[in-house]
Amino acid sequence: MQKKRWKPLVLLRKVLTCAICSIALMALFSVHVPVFPSSEVPQFSDPFKLPTQHEIKYQRLSAERSWTQELVPPHSKAPLPSPKLNGANGILDFDKLWKRPLNRDFVQCIEPTLNYTSPQESQGYLLVHSNGGLNQMRAGICDMVAVARIINATLVIPELDKRSFWNDTSNFSDVFDEDHFINTLANDIKVIKKLPKEFANATRAVKHFRSWSGMDYYENEIGSLWEDYQVIRAAKSDSRLANNNLPPEIQKLRCRACYEALRFAPRIEAFGKLLVERMRSYGPYIALHLRFEKDMLAFSGCTHDLLPAEAEELRIIRENTPYWKRKDIDSEEERSKGACPLTPKEVGIFLTALGYPSNTPIYVAAGEIYGGDSHMIDFRSRYPLLMSKEILASVEELEPFKDYASQLAALDYIVSIESDVFISSHSGNMARAVEGHRRFLGHRKTISPDRKSLVRLFDKLEQGTIMEGKKMSNRIIELHKKRLGSPRKRRGPVSGTRGMDRFRSEEAFYVNPLPDCLCRRESPHTNNSLAME
């Protein structure tokens, strides 16, 4: 009888339990499962796929500005919405990643003083053979402007290097705005396009100007050549003028030459600005000078993460390039000293540790990456939104530039100068030139990787003794607190070095034009101390 009495109660409990579970499930699905009509299912993009050549139509969110048809990359994917900020923390994160370092009231000061005189009567003609790649030639040309002023020479438009690794046949006017160069420097030196015919067959003094030379050398040793010659030819232009201890007017002239007179040719400037606009449509962007091209790896002897066959190919190139003096190079030793470029994989780890999200737009300023996609897989998996001039522009748009390394490098230079953040995997000529120019333009954020410290961390990561995460990220952020491009005085020679090694150890003039071309605006609250980065 007792069993029969409890049976209805058990049955009632089971019914109530089922009813409660049913109600809970219905509530859960009604809140969290959106139902799309078949025609409205959103098409989510593959996060590991780069923009293709035909994906040019898109719609922006109403809050985003529209991208006009004139600026649509002929084969680029729709820009991703800018990362959304979540309250105060989001704003702080955005500032940390993108905000410029404090300028500390430094402004450009390159105008001549009241005592500066017009060019004196020319004593002869200076011919210049510029050597190296684009940025090595740029620095050399600007130095030769200063040399022409020092020795009272008429500068003939410099000849660009046509015999180096790149085999570029560009003339000065193909890369630079020749008329602008001549007119801008009219109050400093006389510049002409060609040597006058009557001097075409004149005997010339061909000189390899001594590296990192000062006023005495040029005024006395080179200036004395005018007694016997009317034409002096500089066989090379790179690093021929001292970084420091020159008169202020000469230093300011170097900056006027570099940052005002030596402008790129109009068609390069126009197309470079168009590439900048196309990058801007994706939001704030990083320009990455990824120095992982064949010539760089062959020259430096850096073969970390390369296949044995690739390392051997690079060794043969180095062996067969006569003007590269170093032949036998220990790759791992160079890497441990921080002398090797970071690999694409290492750059990806570095950016992740700094806190840049995976949807960060990155412009890869580089030539052809050695090994192609095989060395880019890991980097691309972290940062799928990798752009380049080849992706942002059509084949037809790039056609006029494609066979000219200097002109292609000029496009990368423009996009790098205008980027929100610039990072280079190696401190080569372009990295140094861009860093100096960005300092001159107001200390735009420029991150200089501490490669020596980073490779130690990366080796531990590879060995499994440390892991990627907050601890490693904090360590890398701490290492780079003072490597963000904030104002500081140009570094002098390393203590204890002598002779040419002393000059070689100095920070180059065009890497940091402070204090010569950047002056502090006077204000009652100005702190005159300048800590070194």
Protein backbone atom coordinates (compact mmCIF):
# COMPACT_ATOMS: atom_id res chain seq x y z
CA MET A 1 0.00 0.00 0.00
CA GLN A 2 2.91 2.37 0.81
CA LYS A 3 4.48 1.71 -2.60
CA LYS A 4 1.23 2.60 -4.35
CA ARG A 5 1.01 5.83 -2.34
CA TRP A 6 4.52 7.05 -3.49
CA LYS A 7 4.14 6.06 -7.14
CA PRO A 8 2.07 9.18 -8.20
CA LEU A 9 4.57 11.47 -6.44
CA VAL A 10 7.56 9.99 -8.32
CA LEU A 11 5.70 10.29 -11.61
CA LEU A 12 4.84 13.95 -10.89
CA ARG A 13 8.50 14.73 -10.06
CA LYS A 14 9.65 13.26 -13.38
CA VAL A 15 7.07 15.31 -15.34
CA LEU A 16 8.10 18.55 -13.61
CA THR A 17 11.82 17.86 -14.23
CA CYS A 18 11.23 17.27 -17.96
CA ALA A 19 9.16 20.44 -18.22
CA ILE A 20 11.86 22.59 -16.55
CA CYS A 21 14.61 21.14 -18.81
CA SER A 22 12.52 21.79 -21.92
CA ILE A 23 11.88 25.44 -20.95
CA ALA A 24 15.63 25.98 -20.22
CA LEU A 25 16.70 24.54 -23.57
CA MET A 26 14.18 26.65 -25.48
CA ALA A 27 15.39 29.81 -23.72
CA LEU A 28 19.04 28.97 -24.46
CA PHE A 29 18.49 28.44 -28.18
CA SER A 30 16.24 31.48 -28.60
CA VAL A 31 18.95 33.80 -27.17
CA HIS A 32 22.21 32.38 -28.60
CA VAL A 33 21.41 30.89 -31.98
CA PRO A 34 20.63 33.46 -34.68
CA VAL A 35 18.68 32.16 -37.64
CA PHE A 36 19.76 33.40 -41.09
CA PRO A 37 17.66 33.02 -44.20
CA SER A 38 19.68 31.06 -46.73
CA SER A 39 20.26 34.17 -48.82
CA GLU A 40 21.67 36.11 -45.85
CA VAL A 41 24.27 33.73 -44.43
CA PRO A 42 27.38 35.87 -43.93
CA GLN A 43 30.43 34.95 -45.97
CA PHE A 44 33.34 34.90 -43.55
CA SER A 45 36.72 35.30 -45.20
CA ASP A 46 39.56 32.83 -44.84
CA PRO A 47 41.87 34.45 -42.27
CA PHE A 48 44.98 32.89 -43.83
CA LYS A 49 44.34 33.98 -47.38
CA LEU A 50 45.93 37.11 -48.85
CA PRO A 51 43.85 39.44 -51.04
CA THR A 52 43.36 38.09 -54.53
CA GLN A 53 43.51 39.97 -57.80
CA HIS A 54 39.77 40.14 -58.38
CA GLU A 55 38.26 41.03 -55.00
CA ILE A 56 37.74 44.74 -55.50
CA LYS A 57 34.06 45.32 -54.65
CA TYR A 58 33.12 45.77 -51.08
CA GLN A 59 31.06 47.77 -48.64
CA ARG A 60 32.37 49.60 -45.62
CA LEU A 61 30.60 49.94 -42.30
CA SER A 62 28.61 53.17 -42.16
CA ALA A 63 31.10 54.61 -39.66
CA GLU A 64 34.01 54.04 -42.07
CA ARG A 65 34.76 56.49 -44.88
CA SER A 66 34.15 55.19 -48.39
CA TRP A 67 37.05 54.28 -50.65
CA THR A 68 36.51 55.95 -54.01
CA GLN A 69 36.89 53.95 -57.19
CA GLU A 70 40.04 55.93 -58.13
CA LEU A 71 41.77 54.55 -55.03
CA VAL A 72 40.56 50.96 -55.26
CA PRO A 73 43.53 48.61 -55.59
CA PRO A 74 42.86 46.75 -58.85
CA HIS A 75 43.21 43.40 -57.12
CA SER A 76 42.82 43.97 -53.42
CA LYS A 77 40.39 42.63 -50.88
CA ALA A 78 38.01 44.80 -48.90
CA PRO A 79 39.68 46.58 -45.99
CA LEU A 80 38.93 45.05 -42.64
CA PRO A 81 37.17 47.28 -40.10
CA SER A 82 39.58 48.98 -37.73
CA PRO A 83 39.93 47.18 -34.38
CA LYS A 84 37.19 48.31 -32.01
CA LEU A 85 38.19 49.81 -28.68
CA ASN A 86 36.52 48.60 -25.52
CA GLY A 87 36.37 51.53 -23.11
CA ALA A 88 39.40 53.00 -21.38
CA ASN A 89 41.51 49.83 -21.71
CA GLY A 90 40.97 49.77 -25.47
CA ILE A 91 42.12 53.39 -25.80
CA LEU A 92 45.20 52.66 -23.74
CA ASP A 93 46.03 49.61 -25.89
CA PHE A 94 45.56 51.62 -29.07
CA ASP A 95 47.89 54.37 -27.80
CA LYS A 96 50.47 51.83 -26.73
CA LEU A 97 50.57 50.28 -30.18
CA TRP A 98 50.22 53.29 -32.46
CA LYS A 99 50.86 56.58 -30.68
CA ARG A 100 54.02 58.50 -31.57
CA PRO A 101 56.66 58.97 -28.87
CA LEU A 102 56.70 62.41 -27.26
CA ASN A 103 58.36 64.96 -29.53
CA ARG A 104 59.62 67.04 -26.57
CA ASP A 105 59.16 70.31 -28.47
CA PHE A 106 61.78 69.55 -31.15
CA VAL A 107 61.25 71.30 -34.47
CA GLN A 108 63.13 71.44 -37.75
CA CYS A 109 65.85 74.10 -37.90
CA ILE A 110 67.63 73.89 -41.24
CA GLU A 111 67.34 77.42 -42.57
CA PRO A 112 70.67 79.21 -43.18
CA THR A 113 71.76 81.87 -40.68
CA LEU A 114 72.01 85.56 -41.58
CA ASN A 115 75.76 85.14 -42.13
CA TYR A 116 75.28 82.48 -44.80
CA THR A 117 76.48 83.67 -48.21
CA SER A 118 75.48 82.81 -51.76
CA PRO A 119 77.77 80.40 -53.64
CA GLN A 120 81.19 81.87 -54.36
CA GLU A 121 82.68 81.87 -57.83
CA SER A 122 83.13 78.25 -58.90
CA GLN A 123 86.68 76.95 -59.12
CA GLY A 124 85.73 73.97 -61.28
CA TYR A 125 83.36 71.07 -61.77
CA LEU A 126 82.66 68.15 -59.46
CA LEU A 127 81.57 64.90 -61.11
CA VAL A 128 80.15 62.24 -58.82
CA HIS A 129 79.71 58.50 -59.30
CA SER A 130 77.12 57.44 -56.71
CA ASN A 131 77.55 53.87 -55.55
CA GLY A 132 75.28 51.32 -53.90
CA GLY A 133 71.52 50.95 -53.69
CA LEU A 134 68.97 53.75 -53.56
CA ASN A 135 69.49 54.86 -49.97
CA GLN A 136 73.26 54.55 -50.03
CA MET A 137 73.25 56.75 -53.13
CA ARG A 138 70.87 59.27 -51.53
CA ALA A 139 73.16 59.79 -48.54
CA GLY A 140 76.21 60.03 -50.81
CA ILE A 141 74.58 62.60 -53.10
CA CYS A 142 73.64 64.80 -50.13
CA ASP A 143 77.19 64.59 -48.81
CA MET A 144 78.54 65.59 -52.22
CA VAL A 145 76.30 68.68 -52.14
CA ALA A 146 78.08 69.68 -48.94
CA VAL A 147 81.50 68.84 -50.42
CA ALA A 148 80.75 71.01 -53.47
CA ARG A 149 80.00 73.90 -51.11
CA ILE A 150 83.23 73.33 -49.15
CA ILE A 151 85.51 73.25 -52.23
CA ASN A 152 83.61 75.91 -54.23
CA ALA A 153 82.69 73.52 -57.03
CA THR A 154 79.86 73.43 -59.55
CA LEU A 155 78.13 70.10 -59.01
CA VAL A 156 77.21 68.17 -62.14
CA ILE A 157 74.07 66.06 -61.63
CA PRO A 158 75.44 62.82 -60.12
CA GLU A 159 75.62 59.57 -62.06
CA LEU A 160 73.72 56.69 -60.43
CA ASP A 161 75.21 53.25 -59.90
CA LYS A 162 74.54 50.99 -62.87
CA ARG A 163 77.09 48.29 -62.09
CA SER A 164 76.05 47.00 -58.69
CA PHE A 165 74.19 43.81 -57.78
CA TRP A 166 70.85 45.24 -58.99
CA ASN A 167 71.94 46.17 -62.56
CA ASP A 168 69.63 49.20 -62.54
CA THR A 169 69.97 51.44 -65.60
CA SER A 170 68.05 54.39 -64.10
CA ASN A 171 69.45 57.88 -64.57
CA PHE A 172 69.17 60.62 -61.92
CA SER A 173 66.07 62.14 -63.56
CA ASP A 174 64.35 58.72 -63.61
CA VAL A 175 64.50 58.50 -59.81
CA PHE A 176 64.69 62.12 -58.60
CA ASP A 177 63.11 65.43 -59.55
CA GLU A 178 66.11 66.96 -61.29
CA ASP A 179 64.78 70.50 -61.73
CA HIS A 180 63.57 70.65 -58.14
CA PHE A 181 67.00 69.54 -56.95
CA ILE A 182 68.76 72.26 -58.95
CA ASN A 183 66.35 75.05 -57.97
CA THR A 184 66.15 74.19 -54.28
CA LEU A 185 69.94 74.32 -53.90
CA ALA A 186 70.40 77.52 -55.95
CA ASN A 187 71.36 79.56 -52.87
CA ASP A 188 73.84 76.91 -51.70
CA ILE A 189 75.73 75.63 -54.73
CA LYS A 190 75.46 75.77 -58.49
CA VAL A 191 74.15 72.53 -60.00
CA ILE A 192 74.14 71.79 -63.75
CA LYS A 193 72.76 68.84 -65.70
CA LYS A 194 75.80 68.13 -67.86
CA LEU A 195 79.46 69.02 -67.99
CA PRO A 196 80.00 71.81 -70.58
CA LYS A 197 81.23 70.51 -73.94
CA GLU A 198 84.48 72.45 -73.75
CA PHE A 199 85.47 70.39 -70.68
CA ALA A 200 84.41 67.03 -72.06
CA ASN A 201 87.98 66.05 -72.91
CA ALA A 202 89.71 67.94 -70.12
CA THR A 203 92.07 65.99 -67.87
CA ARG A 204 90.26 65.00 -64.69
CA ALA A 205 91.49 64.33 -61.20
CA VAL A 206 89.84 61.01 -60.30
CA LYS A 207 89.79 60.62 -56.53
CA HIS A 208 88.49 58.17 -53.97
CA PHE A 209 87.71 60.72 -51.29
CA ARG A 210 88.82 59.51 -47.89
CA SER A 211 86.00 58.09 -45.77
CA TRP A 212 84.49 60.24 -42.99
CA SER A 213 86.68 63.24 -43.79
CA GLY A 214 86.34 66.71 -42.29
CA MET A 215 86.81 70.29 -43.41
CA ASP A 216 90.63 70.28 -43.40
CA TYR A 217 90.85 67.35 -45.81
CA TYR A 218 88.46 68.90 -48.33
CA GLU A 219 89.64 72.49 -48.05
CA ASN A 220 93.33 71.62 -48.26
CA GLU A 221 93.99 68.26 -49.91
CA ILE A 222 91.04 68.24 -52.34
CA GLY A 223 90.85 72.02 -52.73
CA SER A 224 94.49 72.13 -53.83
CA LEU A 225 93.62 70.03 -56.89
CA TRP A 226 92.07 73.13 -58.51
CA GLU A 227 95.61 74.38 -59.15
CA ASP A 228 96.09 71.64 -61.77
CA TYR A 229 92.59 70.51 -62.74
CA GLN A 230 89.27 72.06 -63.68
CA VAL A 231 87.32 68.82 -63.25
CA ILE A 232 87.40 66.55 -60.20
CA ARG A 233 85.68 63.18 -60.30
CA ALA A 234 84.58 61.47 -57.07
CA ALA A 235 84.85 57.75 -57.80
CA LYS A 236 82.58 56.90 -54.86
CA SER A 237 80.15 58.93 -52.77
CA ASP A 238 79.24 56.82 -49.75
CA SER A 239 80.47 57.78 -46.26
CA ARG A 240 82.94 60.37 -47.56
CA LEU A 241 81.99 63.11 -45.09
CA ALA A 242 82.35 63.07 -41.30
CA ASN A 243 79.22 62.60 -39.22
CA ASN A 244 80.27 65.10 -36.58
CA ASN A 245 82.50 68.13 -35.92
CA LEU A 246 81.50 70.02 -39.05
CA PRO A 247 80.32 73.67 -39.14
CA PRO A 248 76.59 74.04 -38.36
CA GLU A 249 75.93 75.56 -41.81
CA ILE A 250 77.35 72.46 -43.52
CA GLN A 251 75.25 70.14 -41.36
CA LYS A 252 72.10 72.14 -42.09
CA LEU A 253 72.92 72.06 -45.80
CA ARG A 254 73.11 68.26 -45.67
CA CYS A 255 69.59 68.20 -44.23
CA ARG A 256 68.24 70.65 -46.80
CA ALA A 257 69.73 68.49 -49.54
CA CYS A 258 68.35 65.25 -48.11
CA TYR A 259 64.89 66.27 -46.90
CA GLU A 260 64.00 69.14 -49.24
CA ALA A 261 66.04 69.07 -52.45
CA LEU A 262 66.36 65.35 -53.16
CA ARG A 263 62.71 64.67 -53.91
CA PHE A 264 61.63 61.66 -55.95
CA ALA A 265 60.55 62.07 -59.56
CA PRO A 266 56.91 63.26 -59.87
CA ARG A 267 55.56 59.94 -61.18
CA ILE A 268 57.23 58.06 -58.30
CA GLU A 269 55.92 60.56 -55.73
CA ALA A 270 52.39 60.37 -57.14
CA PHE A 271 52.25 56.58 -57.26
CA GLY A 272 53.88 56.25 -53.85
CA LYS A 273 51.20 58.49 -52.34
CA LEU A 274 48.52 56.39 -54.04
CA LEU A 275 49.93 53.26 -52.39
CA VAL A 276 49.84 55.10 -49.04
CA GLU A 277 46.15 55.94 -49.57
CA ARG A 278 45.41 52.31 -50.34
CA MET A 279 47.18 51.16 -47.19
CA ARG A 280 45.41 53.86 -45.13
CA SER A 281 42.03 52.43 -46.12
CA TYR A 282 42.83 49.41 -43.95
CA GLY A 283 43.40 51.63 -40.90
CA PRO A 284 46.66 52.30 -39.03
CA TYR A 285 49.43 50.20 -40.57
CA ILE A 286 52.96 48.97 -39.97
CA ALA A 287 55.59 49.29 -42.68
CA LEU A 288 57.99 46.39 -42.29
CA HIS A 289 61.34 46.47 -44.05
CA LEU A 290 61.73 42.70 -44.25
CA ARG A 291 65.37 42.33 -45.26
CA PHE A 292 65.24 38.69 -46.31
CA GLU A 293 66.21 39.02 -49.95
CA LYS A 294 68.86 37.01 -51.75
CA ASP A 295 71.43 39.83 -51.97
CA MET A 296 71.20 40.63 -48.23
CA LEU A 297 71.53 37.02 -47.12
CA ALA A 298 74.39 36.35 -49.53
CA PHE A 299 76.28 39.48 -48.47
CA SER A 300 75.79 38.96 -44.72
CA GLY A 301 76.34 35.19 -44.77
CA CYS A 302 73.25 34.68 -42.60
CA THR A 303 71.69 31.27 -43.24
CA HIS A 304 69.69 30.53 -40.07
CA ASP A 305 66.53 28.52 -40.85
CA LEU A 306 67.61 28.00 -44.48
CA LEU A 307 67.99 24.67 -46.24
CA PRO A 308 71.57 23.45 -46.91
CA ALA A 309 71.03 23.92 -50.67
CA GLU A 310 69.91 27.52 -50.10
CA ALA A 311 72.91 28.26 -47.89
CA GLU A 312 75.24 26.87 -50.56
CA GLU A 313 73.61 28.98 -53.28
CA LEU A 314 74.18 32.10 -51.20
CA ARG A 315 77.81 31.14 -50.52
CA ILE A 316 78.46 30.81 -54.27
CA ILE A 317 76.90 34.23 -54.93
CA ARG A 318 79.12 35.80 -52.25
CA GLU A 319 82.18 34.04 -53.61
CA ASN A 320 81.50 35.27 -57.14
CA THR A 321 80.81 38.91 -56.22
CA PRO A 322 84.26 40.54 -56.37
CA TYR A 323 83.45 43.79 -54.55
CA TRP A 324 82.13 41.92 -51.49
CA LYS A 325 85.28 41.58 -49.38
CA ARG A 326 84.11 39.09 -46.73
CA LYS A 327 83.86 35.56 -48.06
CA ASP A 328 84.10 33.09 -45.15
CA ILE A 329 81.37 33.94 -42.67
CA ASP A 330 80.15 31.97 -39.64
CA SER A 331 76.38 32.43 -39.79
CA GLU A 332 75.61 31.45 -36.19
CA GLU A 333 78.37 33.68 -34.84
CA GLU A 334 77.00 36.64 -36.81
CA ARG A 335 73.50 35.89 -35.60
CA SER A 336 74.58 35.71 -31.94
CA LYS A 337 76.11 39.20 -32.31
CA GLY A 338 72.82 40.57 -33.66
CA ALA A 339 74.35 41.12 -37.10
CA CYS A 340 71.82 39.02 -39.03
CA PRO A 341 68.36 40.11 -40.16
CA LEU A 342 65.45 38.61 -38.28
CA THR A 343 63.75 35.85 -40.24
CA PRO A 344 60.07 36.30 -41.24
CA LYS A 345 59.13 33.76 -38.57
CA GLU A 346 61.05 35.71 -35.90
CA VAL A 347 59.42 38.99 -36.97
CA GLY A 348 56.00 37.38 -36.46
CA ILE A 349 56.93 36.28 -32.93
CA PHE A 350 58.29 39.78 -32.22
CA LEU A 351 55.14 41.60 -33.37
CA THR A 352 52.91 39.21 -31.43
CA ALA A 353 54.95 39.81 -28.27
CA LEU A 354 54.63 43.59 -28.73
CA GLY A 355 50.84 43.14 -28.72
CA TYR A 356 49.87 43.80 -32.35
CA PRO A 357 46.69 41.82 -33.15
CA SER A 358 46.48 39.38 -36.03
CA ASN A 359 44.34 41.77 -38.13
CA THR A 360 47.07 44.45 -38.16
CA PRO A 361 47.68 45.68 -41.74
CA ILE A 362 51.38 45.25 -42.58
CA TYR A 363 53.09 46.67 -45.66
CA VAL A 364 56.09 44.52 -46.54
CA ALA A 365 58.71 46.89 -47.96
CA ALA A 366 61.08 44.49 -49.64
CA GLY A 367 62.19 42.92 -52.86
CA GLU A 368 61.56 39.25 -53.57
CA ILE A 369 61.69 37.26 -50.32
CA TYR A 370 64.30 34.52 -50.60
CA GLY A 371 62.66 31.11 -50.79
CA GLY A 372 59.27 32.68 -51.45
CA ASP A 373 56.25 31.35 -49.58
CA SER A 374 58.24 28.58 -47.89
CA HIS A 375 59.79 31.14 -45.52
CA MET A 376 56.61 33.19 -45.10
CA ILE A 377 54.14 30.51 -43.96
CA ASP A 378 54.55 31.03 -40.22
CA PHE A 379 54.55 34.83 -40.47
CA ARG A 380 51.47 34.83 -42.71
CA SER A 381 49.61 32.48 -40.35
CA ARG A 382 50.06 35.08 -37.60
CA TYR A 383 49.42 38.15 -39.77
CA PRO A 384 47.31 37.32 -42.83
CA LEU A 385 46.85 40.97 -43.84
CA LEU A 386 50.29 41.27 -45.46
CA MET A 387 50.41 43.85 -48.22
CA SER A 388 53.03 44.90 -50.74
CA LYS A 389 53.16 47.11 -53.80
CA GLU A 390 52.54 43.99 -55.89
CA ILE A 391 49.27 43.35 -54.03
CA LEU A 392 48.10 46.96 -53.76
CA ALA A 393 48.76 47.77 -57.42
CA SER A 394 47.95 46.08 -60.71
CA VAL A 395 50.57 44.61 -63.03
CA GLU A 396 49.84 47.45 -65.46
CA GLU A 397 50.42 50.11 -62.79
CA LEU A 398 53.78 48.61 -61.79
CA GLU A 399 54.93 48.03 -65.37
CA PRO A 400 56.87 51.35 -65.68
CA PHE A 401 58.89 50.55 -62.53
CA LYS A 402 59.33 46.78 -62.63
CA ASP A 403 62.84 46.56 -64.12
CA TYR A 404 64.33 49.32 -61.98
CA ALA A 405 65.31 48.36 -58.44
CA SER A 406 65.91 51.96 -57.35
CA GLN A 407 62.47 53.09 -58.48
CA LEU A 408 60.75 50.16 -56.76
CA ALA A 409 62.76 50.89 -53.61
CA ALA A 410 61.62 54.53 -53.81
CA LEU A 411 57.97 53.40 -53.69
CA ASP A 412 58.70 51.31 -50.58
CA TYR A 413 60.51 54.30 -49.06
CA ILE A 414 57.47 56.58 -49.48
CA VAL A 415 55.04 54.04 -47.95
CA SER A 416 57.49 53.45 -45.09
CA ILE A 417 57.97 57.14 -44.31
CA GLU A 418 54.19 57.67 -44.12
CA SER A 419 53.38 54.58 -42.04
CA ASP A 420 52.04 54.75 -38.49
CA VAL A 421 54.82 52.45 -37.31
CA PHE A 422 58.04 51.48 -39.06
CA ILE A 423 60.02 48.36 -38.18
CA SER A 424 63.04 46.89 -39.93
CA SER A 425 64.33 43.35 -39.55
CA HIS A 426 67.90 44.62 -40.14
CA SER A 427 69.68 47.95 -39.76
CA GLY A 428 70.70 48.37 -43.39
CA ASN A 429 70.83 51.50 -45.54
CA MET A 430 67.07 51.78 -46.05
CA ALA A 431 66.28 51.20 -42.36
CA ARG A 432 68.74 53.90 -41.34
CA ALA A 433 67.54 56.37 -43.97
CA VAL A 434 63.86 55.87 -43.08
CA GLU A 435 64.56 56.15 -39.35
CA GLY A 436 66.39 59.45 -39.81
CA HIS A 437 63.72 60.88 -42.10
CA ARG A 438 60.95 59.90 -39.65
CA ARG A 439 62.88 61.58 -36.82
CA PHE A 440 63.17 64.72 -38.94
CA LEU A 441 59.41 64.68 -39.64
CA GLY A 442 58.48 64.74 -35.95
CA HIS A 443 59.79 61.51 -34.45
CA ARG A 444 57.23 59.17 -35.95
CA LYS A 445 57.11 55.80 -34.18
CA THR A 446 60.03 53.69 -35.35
CA ILE A 447 60.77 50.42 -33.55
CA SER A 448 64.37 49.22 -33.73
CA PRO A 449 64.50 45.51 -32.80
CA ASP A 450 67.25 44.55 -30.34
CA ARG A 451 68.32 41.62 -32.47
CA LYS A 452 71.11 40.45 -30.16
CA SER A 453 68.73 40.07 -27.21
CA LEU A 454 65.88 38.75 -29.35
CA VAL A 455 67.82 35.84 -30.89
CA ARG A 456 68.70 34.61 -27.39
CA LEU A 457 65.01 34.53 -26.52
CA PHE A 458 64.09 32.94 -29.85
CA ASP A 459 66.71 30.21 -29.34
CA LYS A 460 65.28 29.43 -25.88
CA LEU A 461 61.81 29.35 -27.44
CA GLU A 462 63.04 26.87 -30.06
CA GLN A 463 64.67 24.74 -27.37
CA GLY A 464 61.45 24.72 -25.36
CA THR A 465 62.95 26.34 -22.24
CA ILE A 466 60.55 29.28 -22.50
CA MET A 467 57.08 29.59 -23.99
CA GLU A 468 55.27 32.36 -25.85
CA GLY A 469 52.97 34.22 -23.50
CA LYS A 470 52.72 37.11 -21.09
CA LYS A 471 56.13 36.60 -19.46
CA MET A 472 58.00 36.58 -22.77
CA SER A 473 55.88 39.46 -24.09
CA ASN A 474 56.67 41.60 -21.04
CA ARG A 475 60.37 40.87 -21.47
CA ILE A 476 60.36 41.95 -25.14
CA ILE A 477 58.29 45.07 -24.43
CA GLU A 478 60.73 46.05 -21.66
CA LEU A 479 63.71 45.55 -24.00
CA HIS A 480 62.21 48.01 -26.50
CA LYS A 481 60.92 50.78 -24.22
CA LYS A 482 63.72 53.05 -25.36
CA ARG A 483 63.84 51.87 -28.98
CA LEU A 484 60.70 53.57 -30.29
CA GLY A 485 62.19 56.58 -32.09
CA SER A 486 61.89 59.22 -29.37
CA PRO A 487 64.19 62.27 -29.49
CA ARG A 488 67.82 61.84 -28.46
CA LYS A 489 71.20 63.13 -29.55
CA ARG A 490 73.14 61.27 -32.22
CA ARG A 491 75.43 58.66 -30.70
CA GLY A 492 79.16 59.26 -30.91
CA PRO A 493 81.95 56.70 -31.33
CA VAL A 494 82.23 53.61 -29.16
CA SER A 495 84.66 54.17 -26.31
CA GLY A 496 88.11 52.72 -26.95
CA THR A 497 87.85 52.55 -30.75
CA ARG A 498 90.48 54.24 -32.93
CA GLY A 499 91.14 55.21 -36.53
CA MET A 500 88.52 54.20 -39.08
CA ASP A 501 86.87 51.87 -36.57
CA ARG A 502 86.13 54.93 -34.44
CA PHE A 503 84.26 56.64 -37.31
CA ARG A 504 82.59 53.38 -38.29
CA SER A 505 81.20 52.95 -34.77
CA GLU A 506 79.48 56.35 -34.80
CA GLU A 507 75.79 56.68 -35.51
CA ALA A 508 75.49 57.95 -39.09
CA PHE A 509 74.40 61.55 -39.64
CA TYR A 510 71.31 60.62 -41.66
CA VAL A 511 70.11 58.10 -39.04
CA ASN A 512 69.60 60.88 -36.51
CA PRO A 513 69.88 64.55 -37.56
CA LEU A 514 69.64 65.75 -33.95
CA PRO A 515 71.05 68.13 -32.77
CA ASP A 516 72.20 69.66 -36.08
CA CYS A 517 68.82 69.91 -37.84
CA LEU A 518 66.34 69.60 -34.98
CA CYS A 519 66.19 72.29 -32.31
CA ARG A 520 64.16 72.60 -29.17
CA ARG A 521 61.40 75.17 -29.23
CA GLU A 522 61.91 77.43 -26.25
CA SER A 523 59.17 77.32 -23.64
CA PRO A 524 59.08 78.15 -19.93
CA HIS A 525 58.38 74.50 -19.09
CA THR A 526 61.01 72.93 -21.38
CA ASN A 527 63.20 70.29 -19.78
CA ASN A 528 66.57 70.54 -21.50
CA SER A 529 67.80 67.10 -20.49
CA LEU A 530 67.89 64.52 -23.26
CA ALA A 531 68.05 60.92 -22.13
CA MET A 532 69.56 58.45 -24.55
CA GLU A 533 67.20 55.81 -25.88
